[in-house]
């Protein structure tokens, strides 16, 4: 199926091999390149059979790249100057490119890159400048992208920064007030340095958008004066597309589109699941007061959570979700005072991030909210498939970073104080969190280390237990390690061998 989304591009031909196949048997190719929405794209089409005068035809292979992203596949057809391209990725939709002479003038459709992330054909650009890379592509101060008050503009870090060679994007704006707020939105949550200059190239401000941060202030500006913004991608942060804007709103960003299929968050736990990296799910809740506590429990997902208004304005920074994070978020402490209004609807966006050995960008999680700091009851521990611990018996557990970073255990105490001992295998240390049978969090949570203990006692102390009552313990890897470990329940500080 061909999807047309009505966006226009003009690519400059940077290489075209025509005529006979070159000596040595290399296949002929035609390559187009250009920049749209600050992203540099290259489309290379390679012949599948040798022919004298080469133009693309059905069956030829293509490779479309943008930084580290790539889509590969075959030409379905080339007729009336329109190329139809079909990715090899299973289930991916085809898209079309219109060719006029030595340029591509249109690229339309929605498909996926080979890494599985969504790709919608980008916006228009104008050729010219150095090497046909486009006018305002943000690659330098002279090509800075203009910003309009409280309106998103697209940017892109095409590749990761290296030491001494930092990826950068330039923008400019005309200040409307002495203090302006810069807004930032990115799926990949990079750490980004921001520097603001006047036209005399004097630096006026320097700050950083940390992971998940969406708003920062720049003071001591002069209204009506033009300023330049240089964004630098920090070393080690993921590259990719982002949005940036400026304005005078200290409480919220410009709006983004609210996702579909929203579900309501209440005082009872709701389960979410994101099946693939770069995915998102949307929820809403109806506020009853401005100090709402939003709770989450990690399942298998490491991701990000953010609160938005009913109009799509981001009201909070993106908050990391994972087994190392706190289990509730006081929105009144994170959002500017007065932003949360009783009786209004608010949205919560949960996003998975970039898949790495340290981040599982797919899987399940749980959400609930209360107006106070009481952990919502009724967490579905039965879904966690808890392993039962008994006195003086070692039980093995497994942390699988591909499918989740948490293992659950249960026990019924025979004393008011008991100890859970940890013995390492592939996992050398862990964090432990204990819950009672109604799954309210207790104060029993701590790091545990290898028995007989390195920088610690090698056991987890469970105090204030009720004999005969069931408790649950959630174990997460302390050092992002993958594999097996062992736990033993005991009434003493020394485990049974």
Protein backbone atom coordinates (compact mmCIF):
# COMPACT_ATOMS: atom_id res chain seq x y z
CA UNK A 1 0.00 0.00 0.00
CA UNK A 2 1.36 3.41 -0.95
CA UNK A 3 0.80 6.19 1.56
CA UNK A 4 0.91 9.81 0.38
CA UNK A 5 1.36 12.45 3.05
CA UNK A 6 1.79 15.47 0.80
CA UNK A 7 5.26 16.72 1.68
CA UNK A 8 7.65 18.18 -0.88
CA UNK A 9 11.40 17.82 -1.16
CA UNK A 10 14.00 18.95 -3.71
CA UNK A 11 17.11 16.77 -3.72
CA UNK A 12 20.29 17.75 -5.54
CA UNK A 13 21.95 15.02 -7.62
CA UNK A 14 25.42 14.46 -6.20
CA UNK A 15 26.42 11.41 -8.25
CA UNK A 16 25.02 9.63 -11.27
CA UNK A 17 26.86 6.81 -13.05
CA UNK A 18 25.51 6.39 -16.59
CA UNK A 19 26.62 4.55 -19.67
CA UNK A 20 28.24 1.13 -19.67
CA UNK A 21 28.89 -0.81 -16.50
CA UNK A 22 32.37 0.13 -15.32
CA UNK A 23 35.33 -2.19 -15.75
CA UNK A 24 35.61 -4.61 -12.86
CA UNK A 25 31.89 -5.46 -12.84
CA UNK A 26 30.63 -2.86 -10.31
CA UNK A 27 26.89 -2.21 -10.46
CA UNK A 28 25.83 1.25 -11.59
CA UNK A 29 24.11 3.53 -9.10
CA UNK A 30 22.33 6.84 -9.02
CA UNK A 31 22.53 8.87 -5.81
CA UNK A 32 20.43 11.81 -4.68
CA UNK A 33 21.05 13.87 -1.56
CA UNK A 34 19.56 16.86 0.19
CA UNK A 35 18.41 18.29 3.52
CA UNK A 36 14.85 18.58 4.78
CA UNK A 37 13.74 19.72 8.23
CA UNK A 38 17.43 19.94 9.20
CA UNK A 39 17.98 16.27 8.37
CA UNK A 40 20.36 15.24 5.59
CA UNK A 41 19.00 12.37 3.47
CA UNK A 42 20.74 10.26 0.84
CA UNK A 43 18.88 7.96 -1.57
CA UNK A 44 21.04 5.53 -3.54
CA UNK A 45 19.50 3.24 -6.17
CA UNK A 46 21.59 0.36 -7.58
CA UNK A 47 20.79 -1.59 -10.76
CA UNK A 48 19.85 -5.25 -10.46
CA UNK A 49 20.91 -6.14 -14.03
CA UNK A 50 23.60 -4.63 -16.20
CA UNK A 51 22.30 -2.13 -18.74
CA UNK A 52 23.99 0.48 -20.84
CA UNK A 53 22.05 3.67 -20.11
CA UNK A 54 21.09 3.37 -16.49
CA UNK A 55 17.87 4.71 -15.04
CA UNK A 56 16.08 3.12 -12.07
CA UNK A 57 13.66 0.30 -12.83
CA UNK A 58 11.55 -2.30 -11.03
CA UNK A 59 13.68 -4.71 -9.03
CA UNK A 60 16.59 -2.33 -8.42
CA UNK A 61 17.67 -2.01 -4.81
CA UNK A 62 17.59 1.24 -2.86
CA UNK A 63 19.15 2.56 0.34
CA UNK A 64 17.71 5.64 2.01
CA UNK A 65 19.78 6.99 4.92
CA UNK A 66 19.51 9.87 7.38
CA UNK A 67 22.36 9.87 9.88
CA UNK A 68 22.36 6.48 11.63
CA UNK A 69 18.88 5.65 10.29
CA UNK A 70 18.50 3.51 7.20
CA UNK A 71 15.73 2.06 5.05
CA UNK A 72 16.60 -0.57 2.45
CA UNK A 73 14.47 -2.37 -0.08
CA UNK A 74 13.56 -2.56 -3.74
CA UNK A 75 12.08 -0.32 -6.42
CA UNK A 76 8.53 -1.49 -7.09
CA UNK A 77 8.08 0.65 -10.18
CA UNK A 78 9.34 3.73 -11.97
CA UNK A 79 6.70 5.23 -14.20
CA UNK A 80 5.78 8.78 -15.18
CA UNK A 81 8.72 10.05 -13.11
CA UNK A 82 7.34 8.43 -9.93
CA UNK A 83 9.41 5.86 -8.02
CA UNK A 84 7.58 3.48 -5.67
CA UNK A 85 9.94 2.11 -3.02
CA UNK A 86 9.18 -0.93 -0.87
CA UNK A 87 11.24 -1.53 2.31
CA UNK A 88 12.41 -5.08 2.97
CA UNK A 89 11.26 -4.78 6.59
CA UNK A 90 8.25 -7.06 7.14
CA UNK A 91 4.98 -5.17 7.24
CA UNK A 92 6.51 -1.84 6.25
CA UNK A 93 4.48 0.38 3.93
CA UNK A 94 5.88 1.56 0.62
CA UNK A 95 6.41 5.22 -0.20
CA UNK A 96 6.88 7.24 -3.38
CA UNK A 97 9.44 9.64 -4.79
CA UNK A 98 8.86 11.97 -7.74
CA UNK A 99 11.89 12.49 -10.00
CA UNK A 100 12.33 15.50 -12.25
CA UNK A 101 15.55 15.49 -14.23
CA UNK A 102 18.43 15.18 -11.80
CA UNK A 103 16.35 16.08 -8.72
CA UNK A 104 13.83 14.45 -6.41
CA UNK A 105 10.99 16.93 -5.99
CA UNK A 106 8.72 14.92 -3.71
CA UNK A 107 9.07 12.12 -1.17
CA UNK A 108 5.82 10.91 0.40
CA UNK A 109 4.64 8.22 2.77
CA UNK A 110 5.08 6.67 6.17
CA UNK A 111 7.14 3.51 6.78
CA UNK A 112 9.85 2.37 9.23
CA UNK A 113 13.61 2.63 9.34
CA UNK A 114 15.49 -0.67 9.48
CA UNK A 115 15.90 -0.17 13.25
CA UNK A 116 12.11 -0.30 13.61
CA UNK A 117 11.42 3.36 14.38
CA UNK A 118 8.65 5.17 12.54
CA UNK A 119 9.62 7.30 9.56
CA UNK A 120 7.37 9.88 7.90
CA UNK A 121 8.73 11.59 4.80
CA UNK A 122 10.14 14.97 5.88
CA UNK A 123 9.21 18.51 4.91
CA UNK A 124 10.42 20.65 2.04
CA UNK A 125 13.82 22.26 1.72
CA UNK A 126 15.55 24.55 -0.77
CA UNK A 127 18.79 23.62 -2.51
CA UNK A 128 21.80 25.87 -2.63
CA UNK A 129 24.59 26.92 -0.30
CA UNK A 130 27.58 24.65 0.12
CA UNK A 131 27.18 21.35 -1.67
CA UNK A 132 23.42 21.66 -2.04
CA UNK A 133 22.85 20.99 1.65
CA UNK A 134 19.96 23.44 1.82
CA UNK A 135 19.33 26.96 3.08
CA UNK A 136 18.44 27.13 6.78
CA UNK A 137 19.47 23.63 7.78
CA UNK A 138 20.87 24.66 11.17
CA UNK A 139 24.34 23.27 10.45
CA UNK A 140 26.06 26.61 11.15
CA UNK A 141 25.31 30.11 12.42
CA UNK A 142 24.94 31.35 8.83
CA UNK A 143 22.28 28.68 8.24
CA UNK A 144 20.47 29.12 11.55
CA UNK A 145 16.81 28.06 11.53
CA UNK A 146 14.36 30.84 12.44
CA UNK A 147 12.10 30.43 15.48
CA UNK A 148 8.63 31.91 15.77
CA UNK A 149 7.25 32.80 19.19
CA UNK A 150 5.78 29.72 20.92
CA UNK A 151 5.98 27.55 17.78
CA UNK A 152 7.97 24.34 17.43
CA UNK A 153 10.78 24.13 14.87
CA UNK A 154 12.43 20.87 13.79
CA UNK A 155 16.08 20.07 14.40
CA UNK A 156 18.24 16.99 14.14
CA UNK A 157 21.52 15.70 15.50
CA UNK A 158 22.53 13.54 12.55
CA UNK A 159 25.14 11.56 14.46
CA UNK A 160 26.54 11.12 17.95
CA UNK A 161 29.15 13.56 19.17
CA UNK A 162 32.75 12.49 19.59
CA UNK A 163 35.26 14.02 21.97
CA UNK A 164 36.31 17.37 20.52
CA UNK A 165 33.78 17.12 17.68
CA UNK A 166 30.30 17.90 18.96
CA UNK A 167 27.20 17.74 16.80
CA UNK A 168 25.48 21.11 16.75
CA UNK A 169 22.36 22.86 15.47
CA UNK A 170 21.79 26.61 15.19
CA UNK A 171 18.57 28.61 15.54
CA UNK A 172 17.74 32.29 15.92
CA UNK A 173 14.87 34.29 17.43
CA UNK A 174 13.90 37.87 18.17
CA UNK A 175 13.29 38.34 21.88
CA UNK A 176 9.86 39.55 22.95
CA UNK A 177 10.79 40.03 26.63
CA UNK A 178 13.82 40.34 28.93
CA UNK A 179 13.36 36.72 30.05
CA UNK A 180 12.54 34.03 27.51
CA UNK A 181 11.91 30.33 27.96
CA UNK A 182 13.42 27.76 25.67
CA UNK A 183 11.46 24.55 25.08
CA UNK A 184 12.86 21.22 23.96
CA UNK A 185 11.19 17.97 22.87
CA UNK A 186 12.93 14.75 21.84
CA UNK A 187 12.05 11.07 21.89
CA UNK A 188 15.65 10.09 22.59
CA UNK A 189 16.08 12.38 25.62
CA UNK A 190 19.62 13.59 24.87
CA UNK A 191 21.71 15.79 27.13
CA UNK A 192 22.11 19.00 25.14
CA UNK A 193 24.18 22.08 25.90
CA UNK A 194 22.60 25.40 24.89
CA UNK A 195 24.46 28.66 24.31
CA UNK A 196 22.79 31.96 23.40
CA UNK A 197 24.67 34.69 21.46
CA UNK A 198 23.84 38.17 20.26
CA UNK A 199 24.65 39.35 16.73
CA UNK A 200 28.06 40.54 17.89
CA UNK A 201 28.76 36.89 18.84
CA UNK A 202 28.86 37.71 22.55
CA UNK A 203 27.64 34.80 24.64
CA UNK A 204 24.61 35.87 26.66
CA UNK A 205 23.70 32.60 28.36
CA UNK A 206 24.84 29.02 28.75
CA UNK A 207 22.76 26.18 30.14
CA UNK A 208 21.95 22.51 29.57
CA UNK A 209 18.86 20.57 28.69
CA UNK A 210 19.43 17.54 30.87
CA UNK A 211 17.83 14.15 30.16
CA UNK A 212 14.09 14.65 29.79
CA UNK A 213 14.14 18.41 30.50
CA UNK A 214 11.65 20.37 28.40
CA UNK A 215 11.96 23.99 29.59
CA UNK A 216 14.70 26.37 30.73
CA UNK A 217 14.87 30.15 31.25
CA UNK A 218 17.23 32.65 29.58
CA UNK A 219 17.38 36.03 31.31
CA UNK A 220 18.92 39.47 30.71
CA UNK A 221 17.82 39.74 27.08
CA UNK A 222 16.65 42.87 25.26
CA UNK A 223 13.20 42.79 23.68
CA UNK A 224 13.32 43.33 19.91
CA UNK A 225 16.92 42.06 19.65
CA UNK A 226 17.95 39.07 17.51
CA UNK A 227 19.74 36.21 19.27
CA UNK A 228 21.32 32.97 18.08
CA UNK A 229 21.03 29.61 19.84
CA UNK A 230 23.63 26.88 19.45
CA UNK A 231 22.57 23.43 20.66
CA UNK A 232 25.37 20.91 21.15
CA UNK A 233 24.78 17.19 21.64
CA UNK A 234 26.71 15.97 24.66
CA UNK A 235 29.19 13.15 24.22
CA UNK A 236 27.51 9.77 24.69
CA UNK A 237 23.95 11.08 24.21
CA UNK A 238 21.83 9.52 21.45
CA UNK A 239 21.52 11.37 18.16
CA UNK A 240 18.20 11.98 16.43
CA UNK A 241 15.44 14.44 15.66
CA UNK A 242 14.12 16.98 18.15
CA UNK A 243 11.95 20.08 18.36
CA UNK A 244 12.86 23.46 19.85
CA UNK A 245 10.89 26.65 20.50
CA UNK A 246 11.00 29.87 22.52
CA UNK A 247 8.34 31.92 24.30
CA UNK A 248 7.31 33.64 27.51
CA UNK A 249 5.33 30.85 29.19
CA UNK A 250 7.14 29.74 32.35
CA UNK A 251 4.74 26.86 33.06
CA UNK A 252 4.22 24.96 29.81
CA UNK A 253 5.68 24.26 26.39
CA UNK A 254 3.94 24.82 23.05
CA UNK A 255 1.39 22.07 22.40
CA UNK A 256 2.09 18.70 20.81
CA UNK A 257 -0.49 16.29 19.39
CA UNK A 258 -2.28 14.12 21.96
CA UNK A 259 -2.08 10.43 21.10
CA UNK A 260 -5.06 8.24 20.42
CA UNK A 261 -6.59 5.40 22.48
CA UNK A 262 -6.13 7.07 25.86
CA UNK A 263 -7.11 5.15 29.00
CA UNK A 264 -8.06 6.69 32.35
CA UNK A 265 -5.73 6.47 35.34
CA UNK A 266 -7.59 6.18 38.66
CA UNK A 267 -6.73 5.19 42.21
CA UNK A 268 -6.53 1.59 41.00
CA UNK A 269 -3.53 0.26 39.14
CA UNK A 270 -3.66 0.21 35.34
CA UNK A 271 -1.27 -1.85 33.24
CA UNK A 272 0.48 -0.45 30.21
CA UNK A 273 2.69 -2.15 27.65
CA UNK A 274 4.89 -0.81 24.86
CA UNK A 275 5.81 -3.48 22.33
CA UNK A 276 8.75 -1.84 20.54
CA UNK A 277 11.43 0.83 21.03
CA UNK A 278 10.40 4.41 20.25
CA UNK A 279 6.80 3.56 21.17
CA UNK A 280 4.33 5.55 23.25
CA UNK A 281 1.10 5.14 25.21
CA UNK A 282 -1.27 7.83 26.41
CA UNK A 283 -3.42 8.06 29.53
CA UNK A 284 -5.53 10.73 31.20
CA UNK A 285 -6.71 11.53 34.72
CA UNK A 286 -9.15 14.05 36.16
CA UNK A 287 -7.45 16.13 38.84
CA UNK A 288 -9.22 16.64 42.16
CA UNK A 289 -6.51 18.86 43.72
CA UNK A 290 -3.19 20.38 42.71
CA UNK A 291 -0.93 18.03 44.69
CA UNK A 292 -1.71 14.81 42.88
CA UNK A 293 0.74 11.94 43.41
CA UNK A 294 1.28 9.88 40.28
CA UNK A 295 2.55 6.38 41.03
CA UNK A 296 4.24 3.90 38.76
CA UNK A 297 5.66 0.45 39.17
CA UNK A 298 8.28 -0.90 36.81
CA UNK A 299 7.39 -4.07 35.01
CA UNK A 300 9.82 -4.75 32.19
CA UNK A 301 9.96 -1.25 30.67
CA UNK A 302 12.63 1.38 31.11
CA UNK A 303 11.07 4.54 29.75
CA UNK A 304 9.88 8.09 30.37
CA UNK A 305 6.69 9.61 31.72
CA UNK A 306 5.44 13.15 31.20
CA UNK A 307 2.35 15.17 32.18
CA UNK A 308 0.55 17.34 29.62
CA UNK A 309 -2.45 19.65 29.61
CA UNK A 310 -5.65 18.77 27.77
CA UNK A 311 -4.35 20.98 24.94
CA UNK A 312 -1.08 19.06 24.65
CA UNK A 313 1.24 21.49 26.48
CA UNK A 314 4.01 19.67 28.35
CA UNK A 315 3.69 20.63 32.02
CA UNK A 316 6.54 18.56 33.45
CA UNK A 317 9.91 17.31 32.43
CA UNK A 318 10.03 13.74 31.19
CA UNK A 319 10.59 11.56 34.26
CA UNK A 320 12.63 8.37 34.01
CA UNK A 321 10.72 5.15 34.72
CA UNK A 322 12.62 2.08 35.75
CA UNK A 323 13.57 -0.17 38.63
CA UNK A 324 16.04 2.34 40.07
CA UNK A 325 13.56 5.21 40.36
CA UNK A 326 11.20 6.37 43.08
CA UNK A 327 7.75 4.89 43.04
CA UNK A 328 5.68 8.05 43.17
CA UNK A 329 5.97 11.52 41.75
CA UNK A 330 4.50 14.54 43.51
CA UNK A 331 3.23 16.58 40.59
CA UNK A 332 2.78 19.60 42.80
CA UNK A 333 6.55 19.61 43.39
CA UNK A 334 7.46 19.17 39.73
CA UNK A 335 5.03 21.48 37.97
CA UNK A 336 4.87 25.25 38.42
CA UNK A 337 2.50 26.23 41.22
CA UNK A 338 -1.07 26.60 40.03
CA UNK A 339 -0.62 24.63 36.82
CA UNK A 340 -2.60 21.61 38.06
CA UNK A 341 -6.19 22.74 38.51
CA UNK A 342 -8.87 20.65 40.23
CA UNK A 343 -11.64 19.60 37.85
CA UNK A 344 -9.48 19.60 34.74
CA UNK A 345 -8.29 16.69 32.61
CA UNK A 346 -4.56 15.99 32.26
CA UNK A 347 -2.70 13.57 30.05
CA UNK A 348 0.22 11.28 30.81
CA UNK A 349 2.51 10.17 28.00
CA UNK A 350 4.68 7.11 28.53
CA UNK A 351 7.45 6.57 26.01
CA UNK A 352 10.06 3.92 25.56
CA UNK A 353 13.53 5.14 24.76
CA UNK A 354 16.53 3.80 22.90
CA UNK A 355 17.28 0.09 23.19
CA UNK A 356 20.69 -0.48 24.79
CA UNK A 357 22.32 -3.03 27.07
CA UNK A 358 21.34 -0.73 29.96
CA UNK A 359 17.83 0.14 28.79
CA UNK A 360 14.95 -2.16 27.95
CA UNK A 361 12.90 0.04 25.60
CA UNK A 362 9.86 -2.21 25.49
CA UNK A 363 7.63 -3.97 27.98
CA UNK A 364 5.09 -3.48 30.75
CA UNK A 365 4.58 -0.97 33.56
CA UNK A 366 1.79 0.10 35.96
CA UNK A 367 0.26 3.49 36.80
CA UNK A 368 -2.10 4.85 39.47
CA UNK A 369 -2.61 8.13 41.31
CA UNK A 370 -3.73 9.36 44.71
CA UNK A 371 -4.25 12.83 46.11
CA UNK A 372 -1.91 12.01 49.00
CA UNK A 373 1.29 10.04 49.46
CA UNK A 374 -0.37 6.72 50.32
CA UNK A 375 0.78 4.00 47.95
CA UNK A 376 -2.34 2.78 46.06
CA UNK A 377 -3.45 -0.65 47.22
CA UNK A 378 -4.16 -3.65 45.07
CA UNK A 379 -1.03 -3.84 42.95
CA UNK A 380 -1.41 -7.07 40.89
CA UNK A 381 1.47 -9.08 42.33
CA UNK A 382 -0.15 -12.24 40.99
CA UNK A 383 0.91 -11.04 37.55
CA UNK A 384 4.51 -10.97 38.77
CA UNK A 385 4.80 -14.76 39.22
CA UNK A 386 6.55 -14.39 42.60
CA UNK A 387 9.01 -17.07 43.72
CA UNK A 388 8.24 -18.37 47.24
CA UNK A 389 11.04 -18.13 49.81
CA UNK A 390 11.24 -20.49 52.79
CA UNK A 391 13.58 -20.43 55.78
CA UNK A 392 17.17 -21.61 55.23
CA UNK A 393 16.70 -22.58 51.56
CA UNK A 394 18.52 -20.86 48.69
CA UNK A 395 16.24 -19.93 45.78
CA UNK A 396 17.57 -18.74 42.45
CA UNK A 397 16.27 -15.77 40.49
CA UNK A 398 17.15 -14.32 37.11
CA UNK A 399 17.43 -10.77 35.83
CA UNK A 400 16.90 -10.76 32.06
CA UNK A 401 17.71 -7.37 30.58
CA UNK A 402 16.04 -8.35 27.30
CA UNK A 403 12.66 -9.07 28.89
CA UNK A 404 12.76 -7.16 32.17
CA UNK A 405 14.98 -6.01 35.00
CA UNK A 406 12.90 -7.19 37.95
CA UNK A 407 12.37 -10.49 39.77
CA UNK A 408 9.62 -10.93 42.40
CA UNK A 409 9.71 -13.14 45.52
CA UNK A 410 7.20 -13.78 48.31
CA UNK A 411 7.55 -15.06 51.87
CA UNK A 412 5.49 -15.69 54.99
CA UNK A 413 7.57 -14.76 58.08
CA UNK A 414 7.99 -16.95 61.12
CA UNK A 415 9.45 -14.06 63.18
CA UNK A 416 8.90 -10.32 63.41
CA UNK A 417 12.38 -9.67 61.99
CA UNK A 418 13.84 -11.76 59.18
CA UNK A 419 16.79 -11.48 56.84
CA UNK A 420 16.96 -12.06 53.09
CA UNK A 421 20.48 -13.07 52.14
CA UNK A 422 21.95 -12.47 48.70
CA UNK A 423 24.48 -14.73 46.94
CA UNK A 424 25.86 -13.58 43.58
CA UNK A 425 26.23 -15.42 40.33
CA UNK A 426 26.08 -13.43 37.08
CA UNK A 427 24.34 -10.64 39.00
CA UNK A 428 26.78 -9.30 41.60
CA UNK A 429 24.52 -6.95 43.56
CA UNK A 430 20.88 -5.92 43.79
CA UNK A 431 18.29 -3.52 45.14
CA UNK A 432 15.43 -4.95 47.22
CA UNK A 433 11.99 -3.44 47.84
CA UNK A 434 9.44 -5.04 50.19
CA UNK A 435 5.64 -4.85 50.08
CA UNK A 436 2.93 -6.24 52.31
CA UNK A 437 0.14 -8.46 51.02
CA UNK A 438 -2.03 -5.50 50.02
CA UNK A 439 1.09 -4.31 48.21
CA UNK A 440 1.60 -1.08 50.05
CA UNK A 441 5.28 -0.22 50.07
CA UNK A 442 7.00 -0.57 53.43
CA UNK A 443 10.11 1.24 54.61
CA UNK A 444 12.15 -1.90 54.04
CA UNK A 445 14.16 -1.16 50.91
CA UNK A 446 17.89 -1.06 50.45
CA UNK A 447 20.85 -2.23 48.40
CA UNK A 448 22.10 -5.74 49.08
CA UNK A 449 25.56 -7.01 48.28
CA UNK A 450 27.30 -10.38 47.91
CA UNK A 451 27.46 -12.62 50.99
CA UNK A 452 29.50 -12.38 53.20
CA UNK A 453 29.38 -8.74 52.15
CA UNK A 454 31.35 -6.19 50.18
CA UNK A 455 30.65 -2.66 51.40
CA UNK A 456 27.58 -4.09 53.05
CA UNK A 457 26.18 -6.89 55.16
CA UNK A 458 25.10 -9.23 52.39
CA UNK A 459 21.51 -9.36 53.57
CA UNK A 460 18.31 -7.36 53.50
CA UNK A 461 16.66 -6.73 56.88
CA UNK A 462 12.86 -7.00 57.08
CA UNK A 463 11.56 -5.37 60.27
CA UNK A 464 8.11 -5.08 61.80
CA UNK A 465 6.75 -8.23 60.21
CA UNK A 466 3.47 -9.86 61.11
CA UNK A 467 3.91 -13.60 61.57
CA UNK A 468 1.80 -15.57 59.10
CA UNK A 469 1.22 -12.54 56.84
CA UNK A 470 2.42 -12.65 53.19
CA UNK A 471 5.02 -10.16 51.97
CA UNK A 472 6.52 -9.54 48.56
CA UNK A 473 10.07 -8.55 47.62
CA UNK A 474 11.03 -6.97 44.31
CA UNK A 475 14.68 -7.45 43.27
CA UNK A 476 16.40 -5.35 40.60
CA UNK A 477 19.94 -5.54 39.30
CA UNK A 478 22.23 -3.02 40.97
CA UNK A 479 24.72 -2.79 38.09
CA UNK A 480 22.66 -3.56 34.97
CA UNK A 481 23.92 -7.13 34.97
CA UNK A 482 22.14 -9.96 33.22
CA UNK A 483 21.71 -13.43 34.69
CA UNK A 484 21.27 -15.48 37.85
CA UNK A 485 21.52 -14.76 41.58
CA UNK A 486 20.34 -16.49 44.80
CA UNK A 487 18.25 -15.45 47.81
CA UNK A 488 17.70 -17.14 51.15
CA UNK A 489 15.17 -16.27 53.88
CA UNK A 490 16.52 -16.69 57.40
CA UNK A 491 15.86 -15.62 60.97
CA UNK A 492 19.56 -14.87 61.52
CA UNK A 493 22.22 -12.67 59.97
CA UNK A 494 24.20 -15.69 58.76
CA UNK A 495 22.67 -17.82 55.99
CA UNK A 496 22.48 -21.60 55.96
CA UNK A 497 25.18 -22.95 53.62
